[in-house]
Amino acid sequence: MNILFIVHRIPYPPNKGDKIRSFNELKYLSRKHEIHLVCLADDSEDLKYVDHLKRYCKTVNVVPINPKLAKLKSILYLFSRKPLSVPYFYSKKLQKTIDHLLSSIIFDCIFCFSSPMAEYIFRSNFQQPATQIMDFVDIDSDKWNQYISYSSFPLSWVYKLEGKRLEKYERKISERFQFCAVVSQKEAEIFRRFAHNGNILVVPNGVDSQFFHPAMFKEQRARSKEHRAIIFTGAMDYFPNIDGVLYFQKEILPLIKKEVPDVKFYIVGSNPTQKIRMMREEENIEVTGYVEDVRPYISKASVSVTPLRIGKGIQNKILEAMAMGVPVVSTSYAIAGLEVENGKEIFIEDQPQRFANQVVRLIKDKDLRKDISIQARQLVEKKYNWEVNLTRIEKVL
């Protein structure tokens, strides 16, 4: 099949949630189909990976955008009826590229990744009989509605407005696209409240369990003296991650330090904001910024923490830690999209003292860490395998 694959960010390197998912979908589909990739790049550093993507694609078309200009363009749409994320990710140059491809190639499938990319299909003058699939990744309207509770005016007003607009836009997408993919049953339930399309595909995220494997850094882990290390991984310019880390620093970490004074907290992720960077001033906190490979950091941690207060999707950071044999303590918000059992594969706590207690317990109890890690690894191999989960898209094709 010929597939037009439209993505809001260049799907390589797979170093953040949306890019991990889009790259694995692209790689999987390329085995049996010819992929014509069109995407944006909001980080100039990512342009050097274009040749890498050519391994999987018949054609690769990447259009750079300037994030600052894109934000300004979004602000100008504040008093329109469009969601602000649509103009942010809209490029006339990319539209011309898509229109050219649609006029010159007969596609069997048009695969859009992230709701703002539907705009290119809505604005296209070319009609094709291709099956149209939208992978929402997140139900963005729900995410923006969650932001309201953690913001003050005028941002709370902007978030409320964006949530309403996105819900209408997502409904419009559901009317146009034959299939709509989401990452979890929770997301599917939210989508069904307002969507008109009954063809909802639940396609959970996965993890490369061979790449993220405990044995990969076994010797380093044995040599490491930092058995009292805690880690958080994730893009540190993403609001839910920023909020979660600041909450952990203020409400939970001091409680842990009372029991484990020499504990070290690693914050591993790209583009840390000023508030996150300032945390380096604390002796027991290390903020790494972007790293080429998160595995060495995960491997020397006793516990991976996911103290998020926003979100219902599947957190790749949790799956990666589980695959690496590092036990996870998480809030219920962060695991809403995962099928896990509290106390078996993971510990789930929303109250700061109870969250801290479980972290301390894992740091001090080597046997407990081992038991939880084995169960978690087995769960990942069984339920969160890209090879298995992406067959749901292949069946539709």
Protein backbone atom coordinates (compact mmCIF):
# COMPACT_ATOMS: atom_id res chain seq x y z
CA MET A 1 0.00 0.00 0.00
CA ASN A 2 0.96 3.64 -0.48
CA ILE A 3 0.63 5.52 2.80
CA LEU A 4 0.84 9.29 3.24
CA PHE A 5 2.17 9.70 6.79
CA ILE A 6 1.62 13.23 8.17
CA VAL A 7 3.27 14.07 11.52
CA HIS A 8 3.45 17.27 13.56
CA ARG A 9 7.11 16.62 14.55
CA ILE A 10 9.87 14.80 12.72
CA PRO A 11 9.59 11.26 14.16
CA TYR A 12 13.28 10.91 14.99
CA PRO A 13 15.10 10.67 17.29
CA PRO A 14 12.51 8.85 19.43
CA ASN A 15 13.45 10.79 22.58
CA LYS A 16 10.05 12.03 23.79
CA GLY A 17 6.58 10.56 24.10
CA ASP A 18 4.94 11.55 20.81
CA LYS A 19 8.10 10.90 18.77
CA ILE A 20 8.57 7.45 20.32
CA ARG A 21 5.06 6.51 19.20
CA SER A 22 5.22 8.04 15.71
CA PHE A 23 8.63 6.51 14.98
CA ASN A 24 7.56 3.03 16.03
CA GLU A 25 4.39 3.27 13.95
CA LEU A 26 6.41 4.47 10.97
CA LYS A 27 9.01 1.72 11.35
CA TYR A 28 6.36 -0.98 11.73
CA LEU A 29 4.25 0.12 8.76
CA SER A 30 7.29 0.50 6.50
CA ARG A 31 7.83 -3.27 6.54
CA LYS A 32 4.84 -3.97 4.31
CA HIS A 33 3.98 -0.58 2.83
CA GLU A 34 5.54 2.34 0.98
CA ILE A 35 5.61 5.37 3.25
CA HIS A 36 5.65 8.96 2.04
CA LEU A 37 6.51 11.02 5.11
CA VAL A 38 5.64 14.70 5.49
CA CYS A 39 6.35 16.42 8.78
CA LEU A 40 7.42 19.57 10.59
CA ALA A 41 10.61 20.11 12.58
CA ASP A 42 10.47 22.56 15.49
CA ASP A 43 14.05 21.76 16.53
CA SER A 44 16.75 22.45 13.93
CA GLU A 45 18.95 19.76 15.52
CA ASP A 46 16.49 17.12 14.34
CA LEU A 47 17.10 17.93 10.67
CA LYS A 48 20.31 15.91 10.72
CA TYR A 49 18.21 12.74 11.09
CA VAL A 50 16.44 13.05 7.73
CA ASP A 51 18.74 10.49 6.11
CA HIS A 52 18.00 8.05 8.92
CA LEU A 53 14.28 8.25 8.13
CA LYS A 54 14.95 7.48 4.47
CA ARG A 55 15.68 3.92 5.55
CA TYR A 56 11.97 3.51 6.22
CA CYS A 57 10.34 5.85 3.73
CA LYS A 58 9.93 6.11 -0.04
CA THR A 59 10.08 9.90 0.29
CA VAL A 60 10.83 12.19 3.23
CA ASN A 61 9.62 15.80 3.28
CA VAL A 62 10.51 17.91 6.32
CA VAL A 63 9.58 21.57 6.76
CA PRO A 64 11.26 23.49 9.62
CA ILE A 65 9.21 25.86 11.74
CA ASN A 66 10.33 28.46 14.26
CA PRO A 67 8.64 27.74 17.63
CA LYS A 68 8.69 31.43 18.65
CA LEU A 69 7.04 32.54 15.43
CA ALA A 70 4.60 29.64 15.65
CA LYS A 71 3.56 30.74 19.15
CA LEU A 72 3.07 34.30 17.94
CA LYS A 73 0.93 33.03 15.07
CA SER A 74 -1.16 31.05 17.58
CA ILE A 75 -1.74 34.12 19.74
CA LEU A 76 -3.10 35.98 16.71
CA TYR A 77 -5.80 33.28 16.46
CA LEU A 78 -6.91 33.82 20.06
CA PHE A 79 -10.04 35.67 18.96
CA SER A 80 -10.83 33.32 16.08
CA ARG A 81 -12.71 30.05 16.38
CA LYS A 82 -9.75 27.79 15.68
CA PRO A 83 -7.80 25.91 18.35
CA LEU A 84 -4.47 27.66 18.94
CA SER A 85 -2.54 24.45 18.22
CA VAL A 86 -3.82 24.39 14.62
CA PRO A 87 -2.04 27.57 13.43
CA TYR A 88 1.01 26.59 15.50
CA PHE A 89 1.48 23.45 13.42
CA TYR A 90 0.22 24.85 10.11
CA SER A 91 2.71 25.62 7.32
CA LYS A 92 1.78 26.77 3.82
CA LYS A 93 4.94 25.11 2.54
CA LEU A 94 3.94 21.77 4.05
CA GLN A 95 0.42 22.21 2.63
CA LYS A 96 1.89 22.61 -0.87
CA THR A 97 4.00 19.49 -0.37
CA ILE A 98 0.95 17.47 0.72
CA ASP A 99 -1.17 18.82 -2.15
CA HIS A 100 1.55 17.90 -4.63
CA LEU A 101 1.78 14.36 -3.28
CA LEU A 102 -2.00 13.95 -3.35
CA SER A 103 -2.13 15.13 -6.96
CA SER A 104 0.67 12.86 -8.15
CA ILE A 105 0.27 9.63 -6.16
CA ILE A 106 -2.76 7.46 -5.48
CA PHE A 107 -2.71 6.69 -1.78
CA ASP A 108 -4.43 3.75 -0.12
CA CYS A 109 -4.18 5.37 3.31
CA ILE A 110 -3.69 8.85 4.73
CA PHE A 111 -2.34 8.52 8.25
CA CYS A 112 -2.37 11.68 10.38
CA PHE A 113 -0.53 11.79 13.68
CA SER A 114 -1.87 14.37 16.20
CA SER A 115 -5.11 16.29 15.71
CA PRO A 116 -3.70 19.59 14.31
CA MET A 117 -2.43 17.72 11.24
CA ALA A 118 -6.01 17.11 10.13
CA GLU A 119 -6.00 20.74 8.97
CA TYR A 120 -3.89 19.78 5.96
CA ILE A 121 -6.56 17.32 4.86
CA PHE A 122 -9.39 19.78 5.52
CA ARG A 123 -7.65 22.42 3.36
CA SER A 124 -6.64 20.10 0.56
CA ASN A 125 -8.53 20.39 -2.74
CA PHE A 126 -7.73 16.84 -3.81
CA GLN A 127 -10.17 14.02 -3.26
CA GLN A 128 -8.84 10.49 -2.91
CA PRO A 129 -10.53 7.22 -2.00
CA ALA A 130 -7.83 6.60 0.59
CA THR A 131 -8.76 5.35 4.05
CA GLN A 132 -8.12 8.15 6.53
CA ILE A 133 -6.74 7.29 9.97
CA MET A 134 -6.12 9.78 12.75
CA ASP A 135 -3.89 8.86 15.68
CA PHE A 136 -4.83 11.40 18.32
CA VAL A 137 -1.96 10.32 20.60
CA ASP A 138 -3.66 12.35 23.36
CA ILE A 139 -7.21 13.67 23.48
CA ASP A 140 -5.86 17.20 23.63
CA SER A 141 -9.16 18.82 24.63
CA ASP A 142 -9.15 16.83 27.87
CA LYS A 143 -5.50 17.67 28.52
CA TRP A 144 -6.10 21.41 28.20
CA ASN A 145 -9.15 21.14 30.45
CA GLN A 146 -6.93 19.53 33.10
CA TYR A 147 -4.48 22.44 32.84
CA ILE A 148 -7.20 24.84 34.06
CA SER A 149 -7.01 23.55 37.66
CA TYR A 150 -3.27 24.24 37.84
CA SER A 151 -3.33 27.75 36.38
CA SER A 152 -4.57 31.19 37.30
CA PHE A 153 -6.23 33.89 35.20
CA PRO A 154 -5.62 34.75 32.36
CA LEU A 155 -3.98 31.41 31.48
CA SER A 156 -6.87 29.46 32.96
CA TRP A 157 -9.23 31.36 30.64
CA VAL A 158 -7.03 30.59 27.62
CA TYR A 159 -6.85 26.90 28.56
CA LYS A 160 -10.62 26.70 28.99
CA LEU A 161 -11.14 28.32 25.60
CA GLU A 162 -8.63 25.99 23.95
CA GLY A 163 -10.27 22.95 25.53
CA LYS A 164 -13.70 23.87 24.11
CA ARG A 165 -12.30 24.63 20.66
CA LEU A 166 -10.29 21.44 20.54
CA GLU A 167 -13.32 19.34 21.49
CA LYS A 168 -15.25 20.79 18.52
CA TYR A 169 -12.24 20.23 16.28
CA GLU A 170 -11.79 16.63 17.46
CA ARG A 171 -15.49 16.02 16.78
CA LYS A 172 -15.02 17.36 13.25
CA ILE A 173 -12.09 14.97 12.78
CA SER A 174 -14.21 12.05 13.98
CA GLU A 175 -16.78 12.88 11.29
CA ARG A 176 -14.18 13.00 8.50
CA PHE A 177 -11.73 10.20 9.35
CA GLN A 178 -12.76 6.57 9.03
CA PHE A 179 -10.70 5.42 12.02
CA CYS A 180 -9.51 7.25 15.13
CA ALA A 181 -6.72 5.78 17.26
CA VAL A 182 -6.10 6.52 20.95
CA VAL A 183 -3.58 5.09 23.42
CA SER A 184 -5.88 3.65 26.09
CA GLN A 185 -9.41 2.66 27.04
CA LYS A 186 -9.57 5.75 29.30
CA GLU A 187 -8.86 8.00 26.30
CA ALA A 188 -11.43 6.08 24.25
CA GLU A 189 -14.09 6.68 26.92
CA ILE A 190 -13.37 10.42 26.90
CA PHE A 191 -13.49 10.52 23.09
CA ARG A 192 -16.81 8.67 22.91
CA ARG A 193 -18.51 11.40 24.95
CA PHE A 194 -18.44 13.80 22.00
CA ALA A 195 -17.15 11.93 18.93
CA HIS A 196 -19.44 10.73 16.14
CA ASN A 197 -17.15 8.00 14.87
CA GLY A 198 -17.69 4.53 16.28
CA ASN A 199 -14.47 3.22 14.74
CA ILE A 200 -12.15 3.91 17.64
CA LEU A 201 -8.90 1.96 17.73
CA VAL A 202 -7.23 1.53 21.10
CA VAL A 203 -3.53 1.16 20.27
CA PRO A 204 -1.47 1.17 23.47
CA ASN A 205 2.11 2.37 23.47
CA GLY A 206 4.90 -0.13 23.66
CA VAL A 207 8.53 -0.30 24.60
CA ASP A 208 11.50 -1.89 22.88
CA SER A 209 12.14 -4.48 25.58
CA GLN A 210 15.41 -5.56 23.98
CA PHE A 211 16.79 -2.02 23.91
CA PHE A 212 15.49 -1.29 27.42
CA HIS A 213 16.79 -4.44 29.07
CA PRO A 214 18.19 -4.88 32.60
CA ALA A 215 21.14 -6.89 31.30
CA MET A 216 22.37 -4.03 29.09
CA PHE A 217 23.90 -2.16 32.05
CA LYS A 218 24.22 -4.97 34.55
CA GLU A 219 27.93 -4.40 35.20
CA GLN A 220 27.49 -0.64 35.58
CA ARG A 221 24.61 -1.20 37.98
CA ALA A 222 26.72 -3.60 40.06
CA ARG A 223 29.58 -1.08 40.23
CA SER A 224 27.35 1.90 40.98
CA LYS A 225 27.56 3.30 44.47
CA GLU A 226 24.34 5.25 44.00
CA HIS A 227 21.92 2.63 45.26
CA ARG A 228 19.92 5.46 46.83
CA ALA A 229 19.18 7.27 43.59
CA ILE A 230 15.73 8.28 42.36
CA ILE A 231 15.04 9.21 38.75
CA PHE A 232 12.44 11.11 36.74
CA THR A 233 12.68 11.05 32.94
CA GLY A 234 10.78 13.14 30.42
CA ALA A 235 10.81 16.30 28.33
CA MET A 236 11.26 19.12 30.82
CA ASP A 237 9.51 21.79 28.76
CA TYR A 238 6.22 19.84 28.93
CA PHE A 239 3.77 21.29 31.45
CA PRO A 240 2.63 18.04 33.15
CA ASN A 241 6.28 17.00 33.65
CA ILE A 242 7.28 20.42 35.00
CA ASP A 243 4.33 20.47 37.40
CA GLY A 244 5.03 16.90 38.54
CA VAL A 245 8.73 17.48 39.25
CA LEU A 246 8.11 20.74 41.14
CA TYR A 247 5.39 19.02 43.17
CA PHE A 248 7.75 16.13 43.96
CA GLN A 249 10.54 18.50 45.02
CA LYS A 250 8.30 20.52 47.31
CA GLU A 251 5.94 17.95 48.79
CA ILE A 252 7.56 14.50 48.56
CA LEU A 253 11.35 14.70 48.37
CA PRO A 254 11.75 16.36 51.83
CA LEU A 255 9.81 13.45 53.36
CA ILE A 256 12.12 10.94 51.66
CA LYS A 257 15.23 12.81 52.84
CA LYS A 258 14.11 12.47 56.46
CA GLU A 259 14.48 8.70 56.12
CA VAL A 260 17.25 8.60 53.49
CA PRO A 261 19.38 11.76 53.96
CA ASP A 262 21.87 10.89 51.20
CA VAL A 263 19.22 10.19 48.54
CA LYS A 264 19.96 11.66 45.09
CA PHE A 265 17.28 12.81 42.66
CA TYR A 266 18.04 12.78 38.92
CA ILE A 267 15.88 14.80 36.53
CA VAL A 268 16.71 13.53 33.05
CA GLY A 269 15.13 15.22 30.06
CA SER A 270 15.55 17.83 27.36
CA ASN A 271 14.90 21.57 27.54
CA PRO A 272 14.53 22.08 31.31
CA THR A 273 12.79 25.36 32.12
CA GLN A 274 14.40 27.97 34.37
CA LYS A 275 12.49 26.69 37.43
CA ILE A 276 13.77 23.18 36.79
CA ARG A 277 17.35 24.36 36.14
CA MET A 278 17.32 26.26 39.45
CA MET A 279 16.85 22.96 41.24
CA ARG A 280 20.53 22.23 40.50
CA GLU A 281 21.32 24.51 43.43
CA GLU A 282 20.15 21.76 45.79
CA GLU A 283 22.97 19.40 46.67
CA ASN A 284 20.97 16.21 46.21
CA ILE A 285 19.41 17.09 42.82
CA GLU A 286 20.98 16.71 39.38
CA VAL A 287 19.30 18.18 36.29
CA THR A 288 20.95 16.68 33.21
CA GLY A 289 19.15 18.34 30.32
CA TYR A 290 19.17 16.36 27.07
CA VAL A 291 21.05 13.06 27.09
CA GLU A 292 21.74 10.78 24.13
CA ASP A 293 20.74 7.68 26.08
CA VAL A 294 18.58 7.57 29.23
CA ARG A 295 19.39 3.94 30.00
CA PRO A 296 22.61 4.52 31.98
CA TYR A 297 20.71 6.91 34.25
CA ILE A 298 17.74 4.58 34.71
CA SER A 299 20.04 1.64 35.41
CA LYS A 300 21.74 3.25 38.41
CA ALA A 301 18.48 4.30 40.07
CA SER A 302 16.79 2.35 42.83
CA VAL A 303 13.40 3.85 42.05
CA SER A 304 11.78 5.67 39.12
CA VAL A 305 9.14 8.21 40.17
CA THR A 306 6.25 9.55 38.12
CA PRO A 307 4.49 12.13 40.34
CA LEU A 308 2.27 13.57 37.60
CA ARG A 309 -0.99 15.31 38.45
CA ILE A 310 -2.20 15.74 34.85
CA GLY A 311 -2.77 13.24 32.05
CA LYS A 312 -4.58 10.03 31.16
CA GLY A 313 -2.32 8.64 28.43
CA ILE A 314 0.40 6.03 28.57
CA GLN A 315 3.65 7.28 30.03
CA ASN A 316 6.65 5.91 28.13
CA LYS A 317 8.86 6.78 31.10
CA ILE A 318 7.01 4.17 33.18
CA LEU A 319 7.28 1.45 30.54
CA GLU A 320 10.99 2.13 30.03
CA ALA A 321 11.77 1.90 33.74
CA MET A 322 9.74 -1.30 34.03
CA ALA A 323 11.58 -2.81 31.08
CA MET A 324 14.92 -1.83 32.63
CA GLY A 325 14.07 -3.59 35.89
CA VAL A 326 13.69 -0.43 37.96
CA PRO A 327 10.59 -0.29 40.21
CA VAL A 328 8.18 2.60 39.74
CA VAL A 329 6.19 4.69 42.21
CA SER A 330 3.51 6.71 40.45
CA THR A 331 0.40 8.77 40.98
CA SER A 332 -2.91 7.40 39.70
CA TYR A 333 -3.00 10.15 37.04
CA ALA A 334 0.19 8.92 35.40
CA ILE A 335 -0.94 5.28 35.17
CA ALA A 336 -4.53 5.96 34.06
CA GLY A 337 -3.75 4.52 30.62
CA LEU A 338 -1.90 1.44 31.90
CA GLU A 339 -3.30 -1.92 32.95
CA VAL A 340 -1.25 -2.44 36.12
CA GLU A 341 -1.92 -3.81 39.59
CA ASN A 342 -0.93 -1.70 42.57
CA GLY A 343 1.62 -3.49 44.72
CA LYS A 344 2.35 -6.10 42.05
CA GLU A 345 4.07 -4.38 39.12
CA ILE A 346 4.07 -0.84 40.47
CA PHE A 347 3.21 1.26 43.54
CA ILE A 348 0.44 3.85 43.09
CA GLU A 349 0.06 6.66 45.62
CA ASP A 350 -1.48 10.14 45.38
CA GLN A 351 -0.87 11.35 48.93
CA PRO A 352 2.65 12.80 49.44
CA GLN A 353 3.49 10.93 52.67
CA ARG A 354 2.33 7.59 51.27
CA PHE A 355 4.21 8.23 48.02
CA ALA A 356 7.38 9.00 50.00
CA ASN A 357 6.90 5.91 52.19
CA GLN A 358 6.82 3.61 49.17
CA VAL A 359 9.96 5.19 47.69
CA VAL A 360 11.81 4.78 51.01
CA ARG A 361 10.57 1.22 51.33
CA LEU A 362 11.92 0.31 47.88
CA ILE A 363 15.26 2.01 48.49
CA LYS A 364 15.79 0.04 51.69
CA ASP A 365 14.38 -3.33 50.61
CA LYS A 366 16.45 -4.99 47.88
CA ASP A 367 14.22 -8.10 47.74
CA LEU A 368 11.09 -5.99 47.27
CA ARG A 369 12.76 -4.10 44.42
CA LYS A 370 13.64 -7.38 42.76
CA ASP A 371 10.12 -8.85 43.09
CA ILE A 372 8.39 -5.74 41.72
CA SER A 373 10.91 -5.46 38.88
CA ILE A 374 10.37 -9.05 37.72
CA GLN A 375 6.58 -8.64 37.67
CA ALA A 376 6.86 -5.31 35.84
CA ARG A 377 9.20 -6.69 33.19
CA GLN A 378 6.82 -9.59 32.53
CA LEU A 379 3.89 -7.18 32.14
CA VAL A 380 5.79 -5.05 29.63
CA GLU A 381 6.74 -8.08 27.54
CA LYS A 382 3.14 -9.32 27.49
CA LYS A 383 1.00 -6.18 27.09
CA TYR A 384 3.22 -3.30 26.02
CA ASN A 385 4.94 -4.70 22.99
CA TRP A 386 5.00 -2.58 19.83
CA GLU A 387 4.96 -5.69 17.63
CA VAL A 388 1.73 -6.89 19.19
CA ASN A 389 -0.08 -3.58 19.66
CA LEU A 390 0.56 -2.17 16.19
CA THR A 391 -1.09 -5.18 14.54
CA ARG A 392 -4.34 -3.35 15.37
CA ILE A 393 -3.48 -0.71 12.78
CA GLU A 394 -2.29 -3.32 10.28
CA LYS A 395 -5.60 -5.16 10.57
CA VAL A 396 -7.47 -1.98 9.68
CA LEU A 397 -5.25 -1.48 6.62
